[in-house]
Amino acid sequence: KQLRLEDTLHLWDSYFVLGPEQGFSLHPYVCLAILQQHREKLLDMDSDELLRFLSILPKTNIDMVIRGAYNIREFVSSRELL
């Protein structure tokens, strides 16, 4: 739900560099990349723990998230999944 301010600014910079159409279309992949980064923890949680965890995100490596988002988008695009 919340990222650190410096991570949020870095993420927005990534969106703006790509322009409005390309940049904001990356956002769903950023969400998936955040889930992927915390995958192991999430798999071990019940639904109440998941809700708490996702409402207050732990420290997240935003550079890895952005790279992961690009990789997921490329994967989806190359296989024409959307």
Protein backbone atom coordinates (compact mmCIF):
# COMPACT_ATOMS: atom_id res chain seq x y z
CA LYS A 1 0.00 0.00 0.00
CA GLN A 2 2.76 2.42 0.87
CA LEU A 3 6.28 2.65 -0.40
CA ARG A 4 8.95 4.86 1.06
CA LEU A 5 8.81 8.37 -0.40
CA GLU A 6 12.14 8.03 -2.21
CA ASP A 7 10.98 4.71 -3.73
CA THR A 8 7.69 6.28 -4.79
CA LEU A 9 9.51 9.15 -6.49
CA HIS A 10 11.86 6.74 -8.25
CA LEU A 11 8.89 4.70 -9.45
CA TRP A 12 7.09 7.80 -10.75
CA ASP A 13 10.28 8.88 -12.54
CA SER A 14 10.28 5.49 -14.27
CA TYR A 15 6.68 6.01 -15.37
CA PHE A 16 7.33 9.54 -16.69
CA VAL A 17 10.46 8.55 -18.60
CA LEU A 18 8.35 6.16 -20.66
CA GLY A 19 5.61 8.73 -21.30
CA PRO A 20 1.98 8.63 -20.25
CA GLU A 21 0.80 5.67 -22.29
CA GLN A 22 3.79 3.35 -21.82
CA GLY A 23 4.65 4.48 -18.29
CA PHE A 24 1.31 3.98 -16.63
CA SER A 25 0.73 0.69 -18.43
CA LEU A 26 3.76 -0.58 -16.48
CA HIS A 27 1.94 -0.14 -13.14
CA PRO A 28 0.12 -3.53 -13.04
CA TYR A 29 3.46 -5.21 -13.69
CA VAL A 30 5.02 -3.23 -10.85
CA CYS A 31 2.31 -4.60 -8.56
CA LEU A 32 3.05 -8.13 -9.73
CA ALA A 33 6.79 -7.58 -9.27
CA ILE A 34 6.22 -6.45 -5.67
CA LEU A 35 4.24 -9.63 -5.00
CA GLN A 36 6.94 -11.68 -6.70
CA GLN A 37 9.65 -10.05 -4.56
CA HIS A 38 7.83 -11.10 -1.37
CA ARG A 39 6.55 -14.40 -2.77
CA GLU A 40 8.07 -16.76 -0.20
CA LYS A 41 6.70 -14.79 2.75
CA LEU A 42 3.28 -14.45 1.12
CA LEU A 43 2.95 -18.17 0.43
CA ASP A 44 3.36 -18.96 4.12
CA MET A 45 0.63 -16.55 5.30
CA ASP A 46 -3.05 -17.01 5.93
CA SER A 47 -5.55 -14.47 4.59
CA ASP A 48 -5.48 -12.19 7.66
CA GLU A 49 -1.69 -12.09 7.64
CA LEU A 50 -1.71 -11.35 3.92
CA LEU A 51 -4.01 -8.38 4.38
CA ARG A 52 -1.85 -6.96 7.16
CA PHE A 53 1.35 -7.55 5.19
CA LEU A 54 0.04 -5.93 2.02
CA SER A 55 -1.45 -2.94 3.84
CA ILE A 56 1.96 -2.04 5.28
CA LEU A 57 4.63 -3.19 2.85
CA PRO A 58 8.03 -4.00 4.27
CA LYS A 59 11.13 -2.40 2.78
CA THR A 60 11.09 -3.18 -0.92
CA ASN A 61 13.99 -2.99 -3.36
CA ILE A 62 12.38 -0.65 -5.88
CA ASP A 63 15.13 -1.12 -8.48
CA MET A 64 14.50 -4.87 -8.46
CA VAL A 65 10.75 -4.22 -8.63
CA ILE A 66 11.12 -1.98 -11.69
CA ARG A 67 13.41 -4.48 -13.44
CA GLY A 68 11.00 -7.27 -12.51
CA ALA A 69 8.08 -5.28 -13.90
CA TYR A 70 9.85 -4.85 -17.24
CA ASN A 71 10.67 -8.57 -17.30
CA ILE A 72 7.08 -9.59 -16.52
CA ARG A 73 5.74 -7.20 -19.17
CA GLU A 74 8.19 -8.59 -21.72
CA PHE A 75 7.23 -12.16 -20.80
CA VAL A 76 3.52 -11.39 -21.19
CA SER A 77 4.06 -9.48 -24.44
CA SER A 78 6.36 -12.06 -26.05
CA ARG A 79 3.84 -14.81 -25.43
CA GLU A 80 0.90 -12.62 -26.46
CA LEU A 81 -0.85 -13.35 -23.16
CA LEU A 82 -2.75 -10.05 -23.25
